[in-house]
Amino acid sequence: MTEKKTSSKKTVVKKKASAVKKPAVKKTAIKKPVSESKNRAKPRKKTNLSKLCTEMNKVAHDAVDREIIKRFKIMIDTCEEDITKTSLTAVVKEPTGIDLSSFHESLQPYIKHYLFMLKRSKSK
């Protein structure tokens, strides 16, 4: 003969806390300093550099140009400053009278390549 084992169930009874009540703790929201919230601000759009990039796309001819434009877009996203509108119009409309030293060092190769692409497209 085999015997069956029966499982015994235990009931858990919750006991009420003692009659002594603890004082309620008021939760206050911790405010972050203003300087930290400024760091999270949306990055400014560099509209003039983006316009220069679209102008470069219009004149682009081969894969090398596309690669340079791709790198220029990455540089636009990482840089902090934008060029002025007057300097943008000078680059786009009057490319022969541009002084490259007036631009930041990181922008000079891209503007120089844009001028090269303009000369190349005029010669064809």
N, C-alpha and C. Protein backbone atom coordinates (compact mmCIF):
# COMPACT_ATOMS: atom_id res chain seq x y z
N MET A 1 0.82 -1.17 0.00
CA MET A 1 0.00 0.00 0.00
C MET A 1 0.87 1.24 0.00
N THR A 2 0.43 2.23 -0.77
CA THR A 2 1.15 3.50 -0.84
C THR A 2 0.38 4.56 -0.09
N GLU A 3 1.11 5.37 0.55
CA GLU A 3 0.46 6.44 1.31
C GLU A 3 0.61 7.75 0.55
N LYS A 4 -0.41 8.53 0.59
CA LYS A 4 -0.38 9.84 -0.07
C LYS A 4 -0.04 10.89 0.96
N LYS A 5 0.89 11.75 0.53
CA LYS A 5 1.27 12.83 1.44
C LYS A 5 0.41 14.05 1.13
N THR A 6 -0.09 14.63 2.11
CA THR A 6 -0.91 15.82 1.93
C THR A 6 -0.09 17.03 2.33
N SER A 7 -0.19 18.05 1.52
CA SER A 7 0.56 19.26 1.84
C SER A 7 -0.26 20.11 2.79
N SER A 8 0.40 20.66 3.73
CA SER A 8 -0.32 21.50 4.68
C SER A 8 -0.14 22.96 4.27
N LYS A 9 -1.21 23.66 4.25
CA LYS A 9 -1.19 25.06 3.86
C LYS A 9 -1.13 25.92 5.10
N LYS A 10 -0.25 26.91 5.02
CA LYS A 10 -0.15 27.83 6.14
C LYS A 10 -0.81 29.14 5.74
N THR A 11 -1.52 29.69 6.65
CA THR A 11 -2.16 30.97 6.39
C THR A 11 -1.35 32.05 7.08
N VAL A 12 -1.12 33.10 6.32
CA VAL A 12 -0.35 34.21 6.85
C VAL A 12 -1.31 35.27 7.33
N VAL A 13 -1.15 35.67 8.55
CA VAL A 13 -2.01 36.69 9.13
C VAL A 13 -1.16 37.92 9.36
N LYS A 14 -1.61 39.04 8.79
CA LYS A 14 -0.90 40.29 8.98
C LYS A 14 -1.34 40.91 10.29
N LYS A 15 -0.37 41.33 11.03
CA LYS A 15 -0.66 41.96 12.31
C LYS A 15 -0.67 43.46 12.13
N LYS A 16 -1.53 44.11 12.84
CA LYS A 16 -1.61 45.56 12.79
C LYS A 16 -0.44 46.14 13.55
N ALA A 17 0.01 47.29 13.07
CA ALA A 17 1.12 47.97 13.73
C ALA A 17 0.66 48.46 15.09
N SER A 18 1.63 48.74 15.90
CA SER A 18 1.29 49.21 17.25
C SER A 18 0.58 50.55 17.16
N ALA A 19 0.01 50.94 18.23
CA ALA A 19 -0.80 52.14 18.29
C ALA A 19 0.01 53.41 18.13
N VAL A 20 1.32 53.34 18.28
CA VAL A 20 2.17 54.52 18.16
C VAL A 20 2.38 54.81 16.67
N LYS A 21 2.03 56.01 16.25
CA LYS A 21 2.18 56.41 14.86
C LYS A 21 3.47 57.19 14.68
N LYS A 22 4.10 56.94 13.58
CA LYS A 22 5.32 57.67 13.25
C LYS A 22 4.93 58.97 12.56
N PRO A 23 5.69 60.05 12.78
CA PRO A 23 5.35 61.31 12.10
C PRO A 23 5.56 61.17 10.59
N ALA A 24 4.67 61.80 9.84
CA ALA A 24 4.75 61.73 8.37
C ALA A 24 5.93 62.56 7.88
N VAL A 25 6.67 62.00 6.96
CA VAL A 25 7.82 62.69 6.38
C VAL A 25 7.36 63.36 5.10
N LYS A 26 7.60 64.66 5.02
CA LYS A 26 7.19 65.41 3.85
C LYS A 26 8.26 65.26 2.77
N LYS A 27 7.83 64.80 1.60
CA LYS A 27 8.76 64.63 0.48
C LYS A 27 8.83 65.92 -0.31
N THR A 28 10.04 66.40 -0.52
CA THR A 28 10.21 67.63 -1.30
C THR A 28 10.94 67.28 -2.58
N ALA A 29 10.58 67.96 -3.62
CA ALA A 29 11.22 67.73 -4.91
C ALA A 29 12.59 68.40 -4.88
N ILE A 30 13.57 67.69 -5.35
CA ILE A 30 14.92 68.23 -5.40
C ILE A 30 15.08 68.95 -6.74
N LYS A 31 15.36 70.22 -6.67
CA LYS A 31 15.52 71.02 -7.88
C LYS A 31 16.98 71.00 -8.30
N LYS A 32 17.18 70.87 -9.60
CA LYS A 32 18.54 70.86 -10.13
C LYS A 32 19.00 72.30 -10.33
N PRO A 33 20.28 72.52 -10.18
CA PRO A 33 20.79 73.87 -10.42
C PRO A 33 20.56 74.29 -11.87
N VAL A 34 20.53 75.58 -12.06
CA VAL A 34 20.25 76.13 -13.39
C VAL A 34 21.33 75.74 -14.38
N SER A 35 22.57 75.66 -13.94
CA SER A 35 23.66 75.36 -14.86
C SER A 35 23.52 73.98 -15.48
N GLU A 36 22.99 73.00 -14.74
CA GLU A 36 22.80 71.67 -15.31
C GLU A 36 21.69 71.66 -16.34
N SER A 37 20.65 72.43 -16.11
CA SER A 37 19.55 72.45 -17.07
C SER A 37 19.95 73.14 -18.37
N LYS A 38 20.89 74.07 -18.30
CA LYS A 38 21.36 74.72 -19.52
C LYS A 38 22.14 73.75 -20.39
N ASN A 39 22.84 72.82 -19.76
CA ASN A 39 23.61 71.84 -20.53
C ASN A 39 22.71 70.94 -21.35
N ARG A 40 21.50 70.74 -20.91
CA ARG A 40 20.57 69.87 -21.62
C ARG A 40 19.72 70.60 -22.64
N ALA A 41 19.98 71.86 -22.85
CA ALA A 41 19.21 72.64 -23.81
C ALA A 41 19.40 72.08 -25.21
N LYS A 42 18.43 72.32 -26.06
CA LYS A 42 18.51 71.85 -27.44
C LYS A 42 19.67 72.53 -28.15
N PRO A 43 20.38 71.79 -28.96
CA PRO A 43 21.47 72.41 -29.70
C PRO A 43 20.92 73.38 -30.73
N ARG A 44 21.65 74.48 -30.91
CA ARG A 44 21.21 75.48 -31.88
C ARG A 44 21.40 74.97 -33.29
N LYS A 45 20.48 75.32 -34.14
CA LYS A 45 20.61 74.93 -35.54
C LYS A 45 21.58 75.88 -36.22
N LYS A 46 22.44 75.31 -37.01
CA LYS A 46 23.40 76.10 -37.77
C LYS A 46 22.86 76.26 -39.18
N THR A 47 21.92 77.18 -39.36
CA THR A 47 21.22 77.30 -40.63
C THR A 47 22.15 77.75 -41.76
N ASN A 48 23.07 78.63 -41.47
CA ASN A 48 23.95 79.13 -42.54
C ASN A 48 24.92 78.04 -43.01
N LEU A 49 25.43 77.25 -42.07
CA LEU A 49 26.30 76.14 -42.48
C LEU A 49 25.50 75.08 -43.23
N SER A 50 24.26 74.87 -42.83
CA SER A 50 23.41 73.90 -43.54
C SER A 50 23.11 74.37 -44.95
N LYS A 51 22.91 75.67 -45.13
CA LYS A 51 22.69 76.21 -46.47
C LYS A 51 23.93 76.04 -47.34
N LEU A 52 25.09 76.24 -46.74
CA LEU A 52 26.33 76.03 -47.49
C LEU A 52 26.47 74.56 -47.89
N CYS A 53 26.04 73.68 -47.01
CA CYS A 53 26.10 72.25 -47.31
C CYS A 53 25.17 71.90 -48.47
N THR A 54 23.99 72.48 -48.52
CA THR A 54 23.07 72.21 -49.64
C THR A 54 23.63 72.78 -50.94
N GLU A 55 24.29 73.91 -50.87
CA GLU A 55 24.94 74.47 -52.06
C GLU A 55 26.05 73.54 -52.54
N MET A 56 26.76 72.95 -51.60
CA MET A 56 27.81 72.00 -51.98
C MET A 56 27.21 70.76 -52.63
N ASN A 57 26.06 70.32 -52.15
CA ASN A 57 25.39 69.16 -52.75
C ASN A 57 24.99 69.43 -54.19
N LYS A 58 24.59 70.68 -54.49
CA LYS A 58 24.18 71.02 -55.84
C LYS A 58 25.34 70.93 -56.83
N VAL A 59 26.55 71.22 -56.36
CA VAL A 59 27.71 71.28 -57.24
C VAL A 59 28.51 69.98 -57.21
N ALA A 60 28.20 69.08 -56.30
CA ALA A 60 28.96 67.85 -56.14
C ALA A 60 28.94 67.03 -57.42
N HIS A 61 30.09 66.42 -57.73
CA HIS A 61 30.24 65.73 -58.99
C HIS A 61 30.52 64.23 -58.83
N ASP A 62 31.36 63.87 -57.88
CA ASP A 62 31.77 62.47 -57.77
C ASP A 62 31.72 62.00 -56.31
N ALA A 63 32.22 60.79 -56.09
CA ALA A 63 32.15 60.17 -54.76
C ALA A 63 33.02 60.90 -53.74
N VAL A 64 34.11 61.48 -54.20
CA VAL A 64 34.98 62.23 -53.29
C VAL A 64 34.23 63.44 -52.75
N ASP A 65 33.51 64.12 -53.62
CA ASP A 65 32.71 65.27 -53.17
C ASP A 65 31.66 64.83 -52.15
N ARG A 66 31.01 63.73 -52.41
CA ARG A 66 29.98 63.22 -51.48
C ARG A 66 30.58 62.88 -50.12
N GLU A 67 31.77 62.31 -50.13
CA GLU A 67 32.43 61.96 -48.87
C GLU A 67 32.80 63.22 -48.07
N ILE A 68 33.28 64.24 -48.77
CA ILE A 68 33.63 65.49 -48.10
C ILE A 68 32.38 66.16 -47.54
N ILE A 69 31.29 66.10 -48.28
CA ILE A 69 30.04 66.68 -47.80
C ILE A 69 29.53 65.91 -46.58
N LYS A 70 29.70 64.61 -46.59
CA LYS A 70 29.29 63.80 -45.44
C LYS A 70 30.09 64.19 -44.20
N ARG A 71 31.37 64.38 -44.36
CA ARG A 71 32.22 64.82 -43.24
C ARG A 71 31.86 66.24 -42.79
N PHE A 72 31.49 67.07 -43.75
CA PHE A 72 31.09 68.44 -43.43
C PHE A 72 29.83 68.43 -42.58
N LYS A 73 28.89 67.55 -42.90
CA LYS A 73 27.66 67.45 -42.10
C LYS A 73 27.97 67.03 -40.67
N ILE A 74 28.90 66.10 -40.52
CA ILE A 74 29.30 65.67 -39.17
C ILE A 74 29.93 66.82 -38.42
N MET A 75 30.77 67.58 -39.11
CA MET A 75 31.40 68.73 -38.48
C MET A 75 30.38 69.79 -38.08
N ILE A 76 29.35 69.98 -38.89
CA ILE A 76 28.30 70.94 -38.57
C ILE A 76 27.60 70.53 -37.27
N ASP A 77 27.34 69.25 -37.11
CA ASP A 77 26.67 68.77 -35.91
C ASP A 77 27.53 68.91 -34.66
N THR A 78 28.83 68.84 -34.81
CA THR A 78 29.70 68.88 -33.63
C THR A 78 30.20 70.27 -33.29
N CYS A 79 30.21 71.19 -34.22
CA CYS A 79 30.74 72.52 -33.92
C CYS A 79 29.72 73.33 -33.12
N GLU A 80 30.21 74.35 -32.47
CA GLU A 80 29.35 75.15 -31.61
C GLU A 80 28.84 76.42 -32.29
N GLU A 81 29.59 76.94 -33.23
CA GLU A 81 29.23 78.22 -33.82
C GLU A 81 28.81 78.07 -35.27
N ASP A 82 28.04 79.05 -35.72
CA ASP A 82 27.58 79.13 -37.10
C ASP A 82 28.29 80.30 -37.77
N ILE A 83 28.33 80.30 -39.08
CA ILE A 83 28.89 81.45 -39.78
C ILE A 83 27.80 82.50 -39.94
N THR A 84 28.20 83.73 -40.20
CA THR A 84 27.21 84.79 -40.36
C THR A 84 26.57 84.72 -41.74
N LYS A 85 25.44 85.37 -41.85
CA LYS A 85 24.72 85.35 -43.14
C LYS A 85 25.50 86.10 -44.21
N THR A 86 26.18 87.18 -43.83
CA THR A 86 26.96 87.94 -44.81
C THR A 86 28.13 87.12 -45.34
N SER A 87 28.77 86.34 -44.47
CA SER A 87 29.86 85.50 -44.95
C SER A 87 29.34 84.36 -45.82
N LEU A 88 28.13 83.87 -45.53
CA LEU A 88 27.53 82.84 -46.38
C LEU A 88 27.24 83.39 -47.77
N THR A 89 26.66 84.58 -47.84
CA THR A 89 26.38 85.17 -49.16
C THR A 89 27.67 85.47 -49.91
N ALA A 90 28.72 85.84 -49.18
CA ALA A 90 30.00 86.10 -49.84
C ALA A 90 30.56 84.81 -50.44
N VAL A 91 30.41 83.71 -49.74
CA VAL A 91 30.94 82.44 -50.25
C VAL A 91 30.13 81.98 -51.45
N VAL A 92 28.82 82.11 -51.38
CA VAL A 92 27.95 81.57 -52.43
C VAL A 92 27.92 82.48 -53.67
N LYS A 93 27.82 83.78 -53.47
CA LYS A 93 27.62 84.69 -54.61
C LYS A 93 28.91 85.31 -55.13
N GLU A 94 29.88 85.54 -54.27
CA GLU A 94 31.14 86.15 -54.69
C GLU A 94 32.32 85.29 -54.24
N PRO A 95 32.48 84.11 -54.81
CA PRO A 95 33.51 83.19 -54.31
C PRO A 95 34.94 83.63 -54.61
N THR A 96 35.14 84.53 -55.57
CA THR A 96 36.51 84.90 -55.91
C THR A 96 37.13 85.85 -54.88
N GLY A 97 36.34 86.63 -54.20
CA GLY A 97 36.89 87.62 -53.26
C GLY A 97 36.84 87.18 -51.81
N ILE A 98 37.00 85.91 -51.55
CA ILE A 98 36.89 85.40 -50.18
C ILE A 98 38.26 85.29 -49.54
N ASP A 99 38.35 85.75 -48.29
CA ASP A 99 39.55 85.57 -47.50
C ASP A 99 39.31 84.39 -46.55
N LEU A 100 39.96 83.25 -46.82
CA LEU A 100 39.73 82.05 -46.02
C LEU A 100 40.17 82.20 -44.57
N SER A 101 41.09 83.11 -44.31
CA SER A 101 41.57 83.27 -42.93
C SER A 101 40.50 83.90 -42.03
N SER A 102 39.45 84.46 -42.62
CA SER A 102 38.39 85.03 -41.80
C SER A 102 37.45 83.96 -41.23
N PHE A 103 37.59 82.72 -41.72
CA PHE A 103 36.78 81.62 -41.22
C PHE A 103 37.57 80.80 -40.21
N HIS A 104 36.85 80.05 -39.41
CA HIS A 104 37.48 79.18 -38.42
C HIS A 104 38.31 78.11 -39.12
N GLU A 105 39.34 77.64 -38.45
CA GLU A 105 40.24 76.64 -39.03
C GLU A 105 39.52 75.38 -39.49
N SER A 106 38.52 74.96 -38.73
CA SER A 106 37.82 73.73 -39.07
C SER A 106 36.95 73.87 -40.31
N LEU A 107 36.56 75.10 -40.65
CA LEU A 107 35.71 75.34 -41.83
C LEU A 107 36.51 75.56 -43.11
N GLN A 108 37.73 75.99 -42.99
CA GLN A 108 38.52 76.38 -44.16
C GLN A 108 38.66 75.29 -45.22
N PRO A 109 38.93 74.04 -44.86
CA PRO A 109 39.06 73.02 -45.92
C PRO A 109 37.77 72.79 -46.69
N TYR A 110 36.65 72.89 -46.02
CA TYR A 110 35.37 72.65 -46.69
C TYR A 110 35.00 73.82 -47.61
N ILE A 111 35.28 75.02 -47.18
CA ILE A 111 35.04 76.18 -48.04
C ILE A 111 35.99 76.15 -49.23
N LYS A 112 37.22 75.75 -48.99
CA LYS A 112 38.21 75.64 -50.08
C LYS A 112 37.76 74.59 -51.09
N HIS A 113 37.23 73.49 -50.62
CA HIS A 113 36.75 72.46 -51.54
C HIS A 113 35.51 72.94 -52.30
N TYR A 114 34.66 73.70 -51.64
CA TYR A 114 33.49 74.26 -52.33
C TYR A 114 33.95 75.18 -53.46
N LEU A 115 34.94 76.00 -53.21
CA LEU A 115 35.47 76.89 -54.26
C LEU A 115 36.07 76.07 -55.40
N PHE A 116 36.74 74.98 -55.07
CA PHE A 116 37.28 74.09 -56.10
C PHE A 116 36.16 73.50 -56.94
N MET A 117 35.08 73.06 -56.29
CA MET A 117 33.95 72.47 -57.04
C MET A 117 33.31 73.50 -57.96
N LEU A 118 33.23 74.76 -57.51
CA LEU A 118 32.67 75.81 -58.37
C LEU A 118 33.55 76.03 -59.60
N LYS A 119 34.85 76.10 -59.42
CA LYS A 119 35.77 76.29 -60.55
C LYS A 119 35.69 75.13 -61.52
N ARG A 120 35.59 73.92 -60.98
CA ARG A 120 35.52 72.72 -61.82
C ARG A 120 34.22 72.70 -62.63
N SER A 121 33.11 73.11 -62.02
CA SER A 121 31.84 73.09 -62.75
C SER A 121 31.79 74.20 -63.82
N LYS A 122 32.47 75.30 -63.60
CA LYS A 122 32.49 76.38 -64.61
C LYS A 122 33.36 76.00 -65.80
N SER A 123 34.38 75.20 -65.56
CA SER A 123 35.29 74.84 -66.66
C SER A 123 34.68 73.79 -67.58
N LYS A 124 33.65 73.08 -67.15
CA LYS A 124 33.04 72.05 -68.00
C LYS A 124 32.01 72.60 -68.92
